[in-house]
N, C-alpha and C. Protein backbone atom coordinates (compact mmCIF):
# COMPACT_ATOMS: atom_id res chain seq x y z
N MET A 1 -6.18 -22.66 -2.58
CA MET A 1 -5.22 -23.74 -2.34
C MET A 1 -3.80 -23.21 -2.26
N THR A 2 -3.48 -22.23 -3.10
CA THR A 2 -2.15 -21.62 -3.05
C THR A 2 -1.89 -21.00 -1.69
N LEU A 3 -2.88 -20.29 -1.16
CA LEU A 3 -2.75 -19.65 0.15
C LEU A 3 -2.57 -20.68 1.25
N VAL A 4 -3.36 -21.75 1.20
CA VAL A 4 -3.27 -22.80 2.23
C VAL A 4 -1.89 -23.46 2.20
N ILE A 5 -1.41 -23.81 1.01
CA ILE A 5 -0.10 -24.46 0.89
C ILE A 5 1.01 -23.51 1.31
N MET A 6 0.89 -22.23 0.95
CA MET A 6 1.89 -21.24 1.32
C MET A 6 2.02 -21.14 2.84
N ILE A 7 0.89 -21.08 3.54
CA ILE A 7 0.90 -20.99 5.01
C ILE A 7 1.41 -22.29 5.61
N GLN A 8 0.93 -23.41 5.07
CA GLN A 8 1.31 -24.73 5.59
C GLN A 8 2.81 -24.96 5.47
N ARG A 9 3.40 -24.61 4.32
CA ARG A 9 4.82 -24.86 4.12
C ARG A 9 5.68 -23.97 5.02
N PHE A 10 5.27 -22.73 5.22
CA PHE A 10 6.03 -21.85 6.12
C PHE A 10 5.97 -22.39 7.55
N TYR A 11 4.77 -22.77 7.98
CA TYR A 11 4.61 -23.24 9.36
C TYR A 11 5.36 -24.54 9.60
N LYS A 12 5.14 -25.53 8.73
CA LYS A 12 5.77 -26.83 8.94
C LYS A 12 7.27 -26.80 8.70
N ASN A 13 7.68 -26.02 7.69
CA ASN A 13 9.08 -26.03 7.29
C ASN A 13 9.98 -25.27 8.27
N LEU A 14 9.48 -24.20 8.86
CA LEU A 14 10.30 -23.38 9.74
C LEU A 14 9.92 -23.48 11.21
N LEU A 15 8.64 -23.75 11.50
CA LEU A 15 8.19 -23.75 12.89
C LEU A 15 7.71 -25.12 13.36
N GLY A 16 7.66 -26.09 12.45
CA GLY A 16 7.28 -27.44 12.82
C GLY A 16 8.49 -28.34 13.01
N ASP A 17 8.28 -29.64 12.86
CA ASP A 17 9.37 -30.61 13.04
C ASP A 17 10.51 -30.41 12.04
N GLU A 18 10.17 -29.93 10.83
CA GLU A 18 11.20 -29.71 9.82
C GLU A 18 12.13 -28.55 10.19
N GLY A 19 11.69 -27.72 11.13
CA GLY A 19 12.50 -26.59 11.56
C GLY A 19 13.83 -27.00 12.16
N TYR A 20 13.86 -28.18 12.80
CA TYR A 20 15.12 -28.66 13.37
C TYR A 20 16.18 -28.83 12.29
N LEU A 21 15.75 -29.28 11.11
CA LEU A 21 16.68 -29.43 9.98
C LEU A 21 16.98 -28.08 9.34
N MET A 22 15.93 -27.27 9.10
CA MET A 22 16.11 -26.00 8.39
C MET A 22 17.05 -25.05 9.11
N PHE A 23 16.97 -25.03 10.44
CA PHE A 23 17.80 -24.09 11.19
C PHE A 23 19.18 -24.64 11.54
N THR A 24 19.47 -25.86 11.08
CA THR A 24 20.84 -26.38 11.20
C THR A 24 21.60 -26.24 9.88
N LEU A 25 20.89 -25.81 8.82
CA LEU A 25 21.57 -25.59 7.55
C LEU A 25 22.51 -24.38 7.67
N PRO A 26 23.61 -24.39 6.93
CA PRO A 26 24.59 -23.28 7.03
C PRO A 26 24.14 -22.01 6.29
N ILE A 27 22.94 -21.56 6.59
CA ILE A 27 22.43 -20.31 6.02
C ILE A 27 21.82 -19.48 7.14
N LYS A 28 21.67 -18.19 6.89
CA LYS A 28 21.13 -17.29 7.90
C LYS A 28 19.60 -17.36 7.93
N THR A 29 19.04 -16.91 9.03
CA THR A 29 17.59 -16.94 9.21
C THR A 29 16.87 -16.14 8.13
N TRP A 30 17.40 -14.96 7.81
CA TRP A 30 16.75 -14.12 6.81
C TRP A 30 16.74 -14.78 5.43
N GLN A 31 17.74 -15.64 5.17
CA GLN A 31 17.76 -16.35 3.89
C GLN A 31 16.65 -17.40 3.82
N ASN A 32 16.37 -18.05 4.95
CA ASN A 32 15.24 -18.97 5.01
C ASN A 32 13.93 -18.25 4.74
N ILE A 33 13.76 -17.09 5.37
CA ILE A 33 12.52 -16.31 5.19
C ILE A 33 12.40 -15.83 3.75
N LEU A 34 13.51 -15.34 3.20
CA LEU A 34 13.50 -14.84 1.82
C LEU A 34 13.16 -15.94 0.83
N SER A 35 13.69 -17.14 1.06
CA SER A 35 13.40 -18.25 0.15
C SER A 35 11.92 -18.60 0.17
N LYS A 36 11.31 -18.57 1.37
CA LYS A 36 9.87 -18.83 1.48
C LYS A 36 9.06 -17.74 0.79
N LEU A 37 9.51 -16.48 0.94
CA LEU A 37 8.81 -15.36 0.32
C LEU A 37 8.87 -15.46 -1.20
N ILE A 38 10.04 -15.77 -1.74
CA ILE A 38 10.20 -15.86 -3.19
C ILE A 38 9.33 -16.97 -3.76
N LEU A 39 9.35 -18.14 -3.11
CA LEU A 39 8.54 -19.27 -3.59
C LEU A 39 7.04 -18.96 -3.49
N ALA A 40 6.63 -18.35 -2.36
CA ALA A 40 5.21 -18.00 -2.20
C ALA A 40 4.79 -16.98 -3.25
N PHE A 41 5.66 -16.02 -3.53
CA PHE A 41 5.38 -15.01 -4.55
C PHE A 41 5.24 -15.67 -5.92
N PHE A 42 6.16 -16.59 -6.24
CA PHE A 42 6.12 -17.30 -7.52
C PHE A 42 4.81 -18.07 -7.68
N TRP A 43 4.40 -18.80 -6.62
CA TRP A 43 3.18 -19.59 -6.71
C TRP A 43 1.93 -18.71 -6.74
N THR A 44 1.97 -17.57 -6.08
CA THR A 44 0.83 -16.65 -6.13
C THR A 44 0.64 -16.10 -7.55
N ILE A 45 1.75 -15.67 -8.16
CA ILE A 45 1.69 -15.17 -9.54
C ILE A 45 1.26 -16.28 -10.50
N SER A 46 1.83 -17.46 -10.31
CA SER A 46 1.49 -18.60 -11.19
C SER A 46 0.02 -18.96 -11.10
N SER A 47 -0.51 -19.02 -9.88
CA SER A 47 -1.93 -19.37 -9.73
C SER A 47 -2.82 -18.28 -10.33
N GLY A 48 -2.40 -17.01 -10.21
CA GLY A 48 -3.15 -15.92 -10.82
C GLY A 48 -3.17 -16.03 -12.34
N LEU A 49 -2.01 -16.35 -12.93
CA LEU A 49 -1.93 -16.50 -14.38
C LEU A 49 -2.77 -17.68 -14.86
N VAL A 50 -2.72 -18.78 -14.11
CA VAL A 50 -3.52 -19.96 -14.48
C VAL A 50 -5.01 -19.62 -14.43
N THR A 51 -5.41 -18.86 -13.42
CA THR A 51 -6.82 -18.44 -13.31
C THR A 51 -7.23 -17.59 -14.51
N ILE A 52 -6.38 -16.61 -14.85
CA ILE A 52 -6.68 -15.73 -15.99
C ILE A 52 -6.75 -16.52 -17.29
N ILE A 53 -5.78 -17.41 -17.51
CA ILE A 53 -5.76 -18.23 -18.73
C ILE A 53 -7.00 -19.13 -18.79
N SER A 54 -7.39 -19.69 -17.63
CA SER A 54 -8.58 -20.55 -17.58
C SER A 54 -9.84 -19.77 -17.97
N ILE A 55 -9.95 -18.55 -17.46
CA ILE A 55 -11.11 -17.71 -17.79
C ILE A 55 -11.12 -17.39 -19.28
N ILE A 56 -9.94 -17.10 -19.83
CA ILE A 56 -9.85 -16.81 -21.27
C ILE A 56 -10.27 -18.02 -22.09
N ILE A 57 -9.81 -19.21 -21.71
CA ILE A 57 -10.15 -20.43 -22.45
C ILE A 57 -11.64 -20.72 -22.37
N ILE A 58 -12.22 -20.56 -21.15
CA ILE A 58 -13.64 -20.83 -20.98
C ILE A 58 -14.49 -19.84 -21.77
N SER A 59 -14.09 -18.56 -21.74
CA SER A 59 -14.88 -17.53 -22.43
C SER A 59 -14.63 -17.48 -23.92
N GLY A 60 -13.61 -18.17 -24.40
CA GLY A 60 -13.28 -18.16 -25.82
C GLY A 60 -12.09 -17.26 -26.09
N VAL A 61 -11.31 -17.63 -27.10
CA VAL A 61 -10.07 -16.91 -27.38
C VAL A 61 -10.28 -15.69 -28.26
N GLU A 62 -11.48 -15.50 -28.78
CA GLU A 62 -11.74 -14.37 -29.66
C GLU A 62 -11.63 -13.05 -28.88
N GLY A 63 -10.93 -12.14 -29.44
CA GLY A 63 -10.81 -10.82 -28.83
C GLY A 63 -9.78 -10.70 -27.73
N VAL A 64 -9.05 -11.80 -27.42
CA VAL A 64 -8.06 -11.76 -26.35
C VAL A 64 -6.91 -10.83 -26.70
N SER A 65 -6.39 -10.98 -27.92
CA SER A 65 -5.26 -10.14 -28.33
C SER A 65 -5.66 -8.67 -28.37
N GLU A 66 -6.90 -8.41 -28.86
CA GLU A 66 -7.38 -7.03 -28.90
C GLU A 66 -7.51 -6.47 -27.49
N GLY A 67 -7.98 -7.30 -26.55
CA GLY A 67 -8.12 -6.87 -25.16
C GLY A 67 -6.78 -6.55 -24.52
N LEU A 68 -5.77 -7.39 -24.79
CA LEU A 68 -4.43 -7.15 -24.25
C LEU A 68 -3.82 -5.88 -24.83
N ILE A 69 -4.05 -5.67 -26.12
CA ILE A 69 -3.55 -4.44 -26.76
C ILE A 69 -4.24 -3.22 -26.17
N GLU A 70 -5.55 -3.34 -25.90
CA GLU A 70 -6.29 -2.22 -25.33
C GLU A 70 -5.79 -1.90 -23.92
N ILE A 71 -5.52 -2.93 -23.12
CA ILE A 71 -4.98 -2.71 -21.76
C ILE A 71 -3.61 -2.06 -21.84
N SER A 72 -2.78 -2.56 -22.75
CA SER A 72 -1.44 -2.00 -22.93
C SER A 72 -1.51 -0.54 -23.35
N ASN A 73 -2.42 -0.23 -24.26
CA ASN A 73 -2.59 1.16 -24.72
C ASN A 73 -3.09 2.06 -23.60
N TYR A 74 -3.97 1.52 -22.75
CA TYR A 74 -4.50 2.31 -21.63
C TYR A 74 -3.38 2.64 -20.63
N ILE A 75 -2.55 1.64 -20.31
CA ILE A 75 -1.42 1.87 -19.39
C ILE A 75 -0.47 2.89 -19.99
N ASN A 76 -0.18 2.75 -21.28
CA ASN A 76 0.72 3.68 -21.95
C ASN A 76 0.14 5.10 -21.98
N TYR A 77 -1.19 5.20 -22.19
CA TYR A 77 -1.84 6.51 -22.23
C TYR A 77 -1.86 7.17 -20.85
N THR A 78 -2.12 6.38 -19.81
CA THR A 78 -2.26 6.93 -18.46
C THR A 78 -0.92 7.15 -17.77
N PHE A 79 0.00 6.17 -17.91
CA PHE A 79 1.24 6.22 -17.15
C PHE A 79 2.48 6.44 -18.02
N GLY A 80 2.32 6.26 -19.31
CA GLY A 80 3.49 6.33 -20.19
C GLY A 80 4.31 5.05 -20.09
N ILE A 81 5.49 5.06 -20.69
CA ILE A 81 6.37 3.89 -20.67
C ILE A 81 6.75 3.53 -19.23
N ALA A 82 6.92 4.53 -18.37
CA ALA A 82 7.30 4.29 -16.97
C ALA A 82 6.26 3.45 -16.24
N GLY A 83 5.01 3.46 -16.71
CA GLY A 83 3.96 2.67 -16.07
C GLY A 83 4.21 1.18 -16.14
N PHE A 84 4.93 0.74 -17.17
CA PHE A 84 5.24 -0.69 -17.30
C PHE A 84 6.32 -1.12 -16.30
N ILE A 85 6.90 -0.15 -15.59
CA ILE A 85 7.85 -0.44 -14.52
C ILE A 85 7.23 -0.14 -13.16
N SER A 86 6.61 1.04 -13.02
CA SER A 86 6.07 1.45 -11.72
C SER A 86 4.89 0.58 -11.27
N LEU A 87 3.99 0.23 -12.19
CA LEU A 87 2.84 -0.59 -11.81
C LEU A 87 3.24 -2.00 -11.38
N PRO A 88 4.08 -2.72 -12.17
CA PRO A 88 4.52 -4.05 -11.70
C PRO A 88 5.24 -3.99 -10.35
N LEU A 89 6.07 -2.97 -10.13
CA LEU A 89 6.76 -2.84 -8.84
C LEU A 89 5.77 -2.64 -7.71
N PHE A 90 4.72 -1.85 -7.97
CA PHE A 90 3.69 -1.61 -6.96
C PHE A 90 2.96 -2.92 -6.62
N PHE A 91 2.64 -3.71 -7.64
CA PHE A 91 1.95 -4.97 -7.39
C PHE A 91 2.87 -5.99 -6.71
N ILE A 92 4.16 -5.99 -7.04
CA ILE A 92 5.12 -6.87 -6.37
C ILE A 92 5.18 -6.54 -4.88
N LEU A 93 5.23 -5.25 -4.57
CA LEU A 93 5.26 -4.82 -3.16
C LEU A 93 3.97 -5.21 -2.44
N GLY A 94 2.84 -5.04 -3.11
CA GLY A 94 1.55 -5.38 -2.50
C GLY A 94 1.43 -6.86 -2.21
N ILE A 95 1.81 -7.69 -3.17
CA ILE A 95 1.74 -9.14 -2.97
C ILE A 95 2.71 -9.57 -1.88
N SER A 96 3.93 -9.04 -1.89
CA SER A 96 4.93 -9.39 -0.89
C SER A 96 4.49 -8.99 0.51
N SER A 97 3.88 -7.81 0.64
CA SER A 97 3.43 -7.37 1.97
C SER A 97 2.31 -8.26 2.49
N ASN A 98 1.42 -8.73 1.61
CA ASN A 98 0.35 -9.63 2.03
C ASN A 98 0.90 -10.98 2.47
N ILE A 99 1.87 -11.50 1.73
CA ILE A 99 2.49 -12.78 2.11
C ILE A 99 3.18 -12.65 3.46
N LEU A 100 3.95 -11.58 3.64
CA LEU A 100 4.67 -11.37 4.89
C LEU A 100 3.72 -11.11 6.06
N MET A 101 2.53 -10.60 5.77
CA MET A 101 1.55 -10.40 6.83
C MET A 101 1.12 -11.75 7.41
N PHE A 102 0.93 -12.73 6.53
CA PHE A 102 0.62 -14.08 7.00
C PHE A 102 1.79 -14.66 7.79
N TYR A 103 3.00 -14.49 7.27
CA TYR A 103 4.18 -15.03 7.93
C TYR A 103 4.40 -14.40 9.30
N SER A 104 4.23 -13.09 9.39
CA SER A 104 4.43 -12.42 10.68
C SER A 104 3.37 -12.86 11.69
N ALA A 105 2.13 -13.07 11.22
CA ALA A 105 1.08 -13.55 12.11
C ALA A 105 1.40 -14.95 12.64
N ILE A 106 1.92 -15.80 11.76
CA ILE A 106 2.30 -17.16 12.18
C ILE A 106 3.45 -17.11 13.18
N ALA A 107 4.44 -16.27 12.91
CA ALA A 107 5.60 -16.15 13.82
C ALA A 107 5.17 -15.60 15.17
N LEU A 108 4.25 -14.62 15.17
CA LEU A 108 3.74 -14.07 16.43
C LEU A 108 2.89 -15.09 17.18
N GLY A 109 2.04 -15.80 16.46
CA GLY A 109 1.20 -16.82 17.09
C GLY A 109 2.00 -17.96 17.68
N HIS A 110 3.17 -18.22 17.10
CA HIS A 110 4.03 -19.30 17.58
C HIS A 110 4.70 -18.95 18.90
N GLN A 111 4.62 -17.69 19.33
CA GLN A 111 5.20 -17.29 20.61
C GLN A 111 4.34 -17.77 21.79
N PHE A 112 3.08 -18.14 21.52
CA PHE A 112 2.22 -18.66 22.57
C PHE A 112 2.59 -20.10 22.88
N SER A 113 2.41 -20.49 24.12
CA SER A 113 2.80 -21.85 24.52
C SER A 113 1.78 -22.90 24.11
N ARG A 114 0.51 -22.51 23.97
CA ARG A 114 -0.55 -23.45 23.59
C ARG A 114 -1.40 -22.86 22.48
N HIS A 115 -2.07 -23.75 21.74
CA HIS A 115 -3.01 -23.36 20.68
C HIS A 115 -2.36 -22.37 19.71
N LYS A 116 -1.22 -22.77 19.17
CA LYS A 116 -0.44 -21.85 18.35
C LYS A 116 -1.13 -21.50 17.02
N LEU A 117 -1.85 -22.45 16.45
CA LEU A 117 -2.54 -22.17 15.19
C LEU A 117 -3.68 -21.17 15.39
N ILE A 118 -4.44 -21.35 16.47
CA ILE A 118 -5.52 -20.42 16.78
C ILE A 118 -4.93 -19.04 17.11
N ALA A 119 -3.81 -19.05 17.85
CA ALA A 119 -3.14 -17.79 18.18
C ALA A 119 -2.65 -17.09 16.91
N SER A 120 -2.17 -17.87 15.94
CA SER A 120 -1.71 -17.29 14.67
C SER A 120 -2.87 -16.64 13.92
N LEU A 121 -4.02 -17.29 13.94
CA LEU A 121 -5.21 -16.71 13.31
C LEU A 121 -5.60 -15.40 13.99
N GLY A 122 -5.56 -15.40 15.33
CA GLY A 122 -5.85 -14.19 16.07
C GLY A 122 -4.85 -13.09 15.78
N MET A 123 -3.57 -13.46 15.67
CA MET A 123 -2.52 -12.49 15.37
C MET A 123 -2.70 -11.90 13.97
N TYR A 124 -3.18 -12.72 13.03
CA TYR A 124 -3.43 -12.19 11.68
C TYR A 124 -4.52 -11.12 11.73
N CYS A 125 -5.57 -11.39 12.50
CA CYS A 125 -6.65 -10.39 12.63
C CYS A 125 -6.10 -9.10 13.24
N VAL A 126 -5.24 -9.23 14.25
CA VAL A 126 -4.65 -8.05 14.90
C VAL A 126 -3.76 -7.29 13.92
N VAL A 127 -2.87 -8.03 13.23
CA VAL A 127 -1.95 -7.40 12.27
C VAL A 127 -2.72 -6.72 11.14
N TYR A 128 -3.75 -7.40 10.64
CA TYR A 128 -4.56 -6.83 9.56
C TYR A 128 -5.29 -5.56 10.03
N LEU A 129 -5.81 -5.60 11.26
CA LEU A 129 -6.52 -4.44 11.80
C LEU A 129 -5.57 -3.26 11.98
N ILE A 130 -4.39 -3.51 12.54
CA ILE A 130 -3.40 -2.44 12.73
C ILE A 130 -2.99 -1.84 11.38
N ASN A 131 -2.76 -2.73 10.40
CA ASN A 131 -2.38 -2.26 9.06
C ASN A 131 -3.48 -1.40 8.45
N SER A 132 -4.73 -1.83 8.60
CA SER A 132 -5.86 -1.07 8.05
C SER A 132 -6.01 0.29 8.72
N LEU A 133 -5.81 0.32 10.04
CA LEU A 133 -5.91 1.58 10.78
C LEU A 133 -4.81 2.56 10.36
N ILE A 134 -3.57 2.05 10.24
CA ILE A 134 -2.46 2.91 9.81
C ILE A 134 -2.72 3.46 8.42
N LEU A 135 -3.21 2.60 7.53
CA LEU A 135 -3.49 3.03 6.16
C LEU A 135 -4.59 4.07 6.13
N ALA A 136 -5.63 3.89 6.95
CA ALA A 136 -6.73 4.86 7.02
C ALA A 136 -6.23 6.21 7.54
N VAL A 137 -5.37 6.17 8.57
CA VAL A 137 -4.81 7.41 9.14
C VAL A 137 -3.96 8.13 8.10
N LEU A 138 -3.14 7.38 7.34
CA LEU A 138 -2.30 7.99 6.32
C LEU A 138 -3.13 8.64 5.22
N ILE A 139 -4.21 7.97 4.82
CA ILE A 139 -5.09 8.55 3.79
C ILE A 139 -5.74 9.83 4.29
N LEU A 140 -6.19 9.81 5.56
CA LEU A 140 -6.79 11.02 6.14
C LEU A 140 -5.76 12.14 6.25
N MET A 141 -4.52 11.78 6.60
CA MET A 141 -3.46 12.79 6.69
C MET A 141 -3.21 13.44 5.33
N LEU A 142 -3.16 12.60 4.29
CA LEU A 142 -2.93 13.13 2.95
C LEU A 142 -4.08 14.02 2.49
N ARG A 143 -5.27 13.73 3.00
CA ARG A 143 -6.45 14.49 2.57
C ARG A 143 -6.62 15.79 3.36
N TYR A 144 -6.32 15.75 4.66
CA TYR A 144 -6.70 16.88 5.50
C TYR A 144 -5.54 17.69 6.07
N ILE A 145 -4.32 17.15 6.11
CA ILE A 145 -3.20 17.96 6.58
C ILE A 145 -2.85 18.96 5.47
N PRO A 146 -2.81 20.24 5.80
CA PRO A 146 -2.67 21.29 4.77
C PRO A 146 -1.49 21.08 3.82
N ILE A 147 -0.32 20.77 4.34
CA ILE A 147 0.85 20.67 3.46
C ILE A 147 0.70 19.51 2.47
N CYS A 148 0.11 18.40 2.94
CA CYS A 148 -0.12 17.26 2.04
C CYS A 148 -1.18 17.60 1.01
N HIS A 149 -2.24 18.26 1.48
CA HIS A 149 -3.32 18.65 0.58
C HIS A 149 -2.82 19.63 -0.49
N GLU A 150 -2.00 20.57 -0.06
CA GLU A 150 -1.44 21.55 -1.00
C GLU A 150 -0.53 20.88 -2.03
N PHE A 151 0.22 19.85 -1.58
CA PHE A 151 1.11 19.13 -2.50
C PHE A 151 0.31 18.46 -3.61
N PHE A 152 -0.80 17.80 -3.23
CA PHE A 152 -1.59 17.11 -4.25
C PHE A 152 -2.34 18.10 -5.14
N GLU A 153 -2.74 19.22 -4.59
CA GLU A 153 -3.34 20.25 -5.43
C GLU A 153 -2.33 20.77 -6.45
N TYR A 154 -1.11 20.97 -5.99
CA TYR A 154 -0.03 21.39 -6.89
C TYR A 154 0.22 20.33 -7.95
N LEU A 155 0.20 19.06 -7.50
CA LEU A 155 0.47 17.95 -8.41
C LEU A 155 -0.55 17.90 -9.54
N PHE A 156 -1.82 18.13 -9.20
CA PHE A 156 -2.88 18.02 -10.20
C PHE A 156 -3.11 19.32 -10.98
N ASP A 157 -2.79 20.44 -10.39
CA ASP A 157 -3.05 21.72 -11.05
C ASP A 157 -1.89 22.21 -11.90
N TYR A 158 -0.69 21.80 -11.51
CA TYR A 158 0.49 22.30 -12.22
C TYR A 158 0.50 21.76 -13.64
N SER A 159 0.92 22.57 -14.58
CA SER A 159 0.86 22.19 -16.00
C SER A 159 2.01 21.26 -16.38
N THR A 160 1.94 20.06 -15.86
CA THR A 160 2.89 19.01 -16.25
C THR A 160 2.12 17.86 -16.89
N SER A 161 2.84 16.91 -17.43
CA SER A 161 2.18 15.82 -18.14
C SER A 161 1.43 14.90 -17.18
N MET A 162 0.37 14.28 -17.68
CA MET A 162 -0.41 13.35 -16.89
C MET A 162 0.45 12.15 -16.50
N HIS A 163 1.37 11.73 -17.37
CA HIS A 163 2.24 10.60 -17.08
C HIS A 163 3.06 10.85 -15.82
N TRP A 164 3.59 12.06 -15.72
CA TRP A 164 4.40 12.41 -14.55
C TRP A 164 3.55 12.35 -13.28
N LYS A 165 2.34 12.90 -13.34
CA LYS A 165 1.45 12.93 -12.18
C LYS A 165 1.08 11.52 -11.74
N THR A 166 0.66 10.69 -12.66
CA THR A 166 0.20 9.36 -12.29
C THR A 166 1.34 8.50 -11.75
N ASN A 167 2.53 8.62 -12.33
CA ASN A 167 3.66 7.84 -11.83
C ASN A 167 4.12 8.32 -10.46
N ILE A 168 4.03 9.64 -10.21
CA ILE A 168 4.36 10.17 -8.89
C ILE A 168 3.39 9.61 -7.85
N ILE A 169 2.11 9.53 -8.20
CA ILE A 169 1.10 8.99 -7.28
C ILE A 169 1.41 7.53 -6.97
N VAL A 170 1.77 6.75 -8.00
CA VAL A 170 2.11 5.34 -7.79
C VAL A 170 3.34 5.22 -6.88
N LEU A 171 4.33 6.07 -7.11
CA LEU A 171 5.54 6.03 -6.28
C LEU A 171 5.24 6.41 -4.83
N ILE A 172 4.40 7.42 -4.63
CA ILE A 172 4.00 7.81 -3.27
C ILE A 172 3.23 6.68 -2.60
N ALA A 173 2.33 6.05 -3.37
CA ALA A 173 1.54 4.93 -2.83
C ALA A 173 2.42 3.72 -2.52
N SER A 174 3.61 3.65 -3.12
CA SER A 174 4.52 2.52 -2.89
C SER A 174 5.34 2.67 -1.61
N ILE A 175 5.36 3.87 -1.03
CA ILE A 175 6.18 4.10 0.16
C ILE A 175 5.70 3.24 1.32
N TYR A 176 4.39 3.24 1.56
CA TYR A 176 3.87 2.46 2.69
C TYR A 176 4.11 0.97 2.53
N PRO A 177 3.83 0.35 1.35
CA PRO A 177 4.16 -1.07 1.19
C PRO A 177 5.64 -1.39 1.39
N ILE A 178 6.53 -0.47 0.98
CA ILE A 178 7.97 -0.69 1.20
C ILE A 178 8.27 -0.76 2.69
N ILE A 179 7.72 0.21 3.46
CA ILE A 179 7.92 0.21 4.91
C ILE A 179 7.31 -1.04 5.53
N LEU A 180 6.13 -1.43 5.05
CA LEU A 180 5.44 -2.61 5.58
C LEU A 180 6.24 -3.88 5.32
N VAL A 181 6.74 -4.03 4.10
CA VAL A 181 7.54 -5.21 3.75
C VAL A 181 8.80 -5.27 4.61
N ALA A 182 9.51 -4.14 4.71
CA ALA A 182 10.75 -4.11 5.50
C ALA A 182 10.48 -4.38 6.97
N GLY A 183 9.45 -3.74 7.52
CA GLY A 183 9.12 -3.92 8.94
C GLY A 183 8.73 -5.35 9.27
N GLN A 184 7.89 -5.94 8.44
CA GLN A 184 7.45 -7.32 8.69
C GLN A 184 8.60 -8.30 8.53
N PHE A 185 9.46 -8.06 7.55
CA PHE A 185 10.61 -8.94 7.34
C PHE A 185 11.54 -8.90 8.56
N VAL A 186 11.80 -7.70 9.07
CA VAL A 186 12.66 -7.54 10.26
C VAL A 186 12.01 -8.22 11.47
N LEU A 187 10.69 -8.06 11.63
CA LEU A 187 9.98 -8.69 12.75
C LEU A 187 10.07 -10.21 12.69
N ILE A 188 9.80 -10.77 11.51
CA ILE A 188 9.85 -12.23 11.36
C ILE A 188 11.27 -12.74 11.62
N ASN A 189 12.25 -12.05 11.07
CA ASN A 189 13.64 -12.45 11.26
C ASN A 189 14.02 -12.43 12.75
N PHE A 190 13.58 -11.38 13.46
CA PHE A 190 13.87 -11.28 14.90
C PHE A 190 13.22 -12.42 15.68
N LEU A 191 11.95 -12.70 15.39
CA LEU A 191 11.23 -13.75 16.11
C LEU A 191 11.82 -15.13 15.85
N LEU A 192 12.20 -15.40 14.60
CA LEU A 192 12.75 -16.72 14.28
C LEU A 192 14.20 -16.87 14.74
N LYS A 193 14.90 -15.75 14.84
CA LYS A 193 16.31 -15.80 15.25
C LYS A 193 16.49 -15.77 16.76
N LYS A 194 15.69 -14.94 17.44
CA LYS A 194 15.88 -14.72 18.87
C LYS A 194 14.84 -15.39 19.75
N LYS A 195 13.62 -15.63 19.20
CA LYS A 195 12.53 -16.14 20.03
C LYS A 195 12.01 -17.50 19.55
N LEU A 196 12.82 -18.22 18.80
CA LEU A 196 12.37 -19.48 18.20
C LEU A 196 12.22 -20.55 19.28
N ASN A 197 11.06 -21.23 19.27
CA ASN A 197 10.80 -22.33 20.20
C ASN A 197 10.10 -23.44 19.41
N LEU A 198 10.85 -24.48 19.09
CA LEU A 198 10.30 -25.57 18.27
C LEU A 198 9.66 -26.68 19.10
N GLU A 199 9.57 -26.51 20.39
CA GLU A 199 8.97 -27.55 21.23
C GLU A 199 7.46 -27.55 21.07
């Protein structure tokens, strides 16, 4: 339901009849997009927390505090104190990139003159496929390109702390989501600013 409402509000609010009002407000296009992203992110996190709390209530409250302490200890053991910053940032980037993937698909689908919702669905499949292919190529590059392979061998073999290694891996893994978030945001902003057609 969160996903459906998130898509519906973006489409109706910016690309539907409400768009005539939204784009006459004295704010920039990127601010409209950012406000939708922040609200969608908030509702995604909220629905996730509600789901987790519901599962805890249904399964019983016994052992919940012990489980949370165990998870906290595992993060501290694997990533150190920095893990409580690097991991949340990684998840924020991941959630934001997924939300913007829907938004970019809707903006691209809206460029068609007819059947815009079906076109948006098709555009999501295309965007998702391109994203998956790029990610697969990057993983293969990291595995098989000698300099990348040597870097990771150095990372794991060098006598440094496990915390340093794991946080470096998280930071490296965060590079692609950062590029994805920035690229999709720029694309959506361009389409809504330069190619907007509310007819």
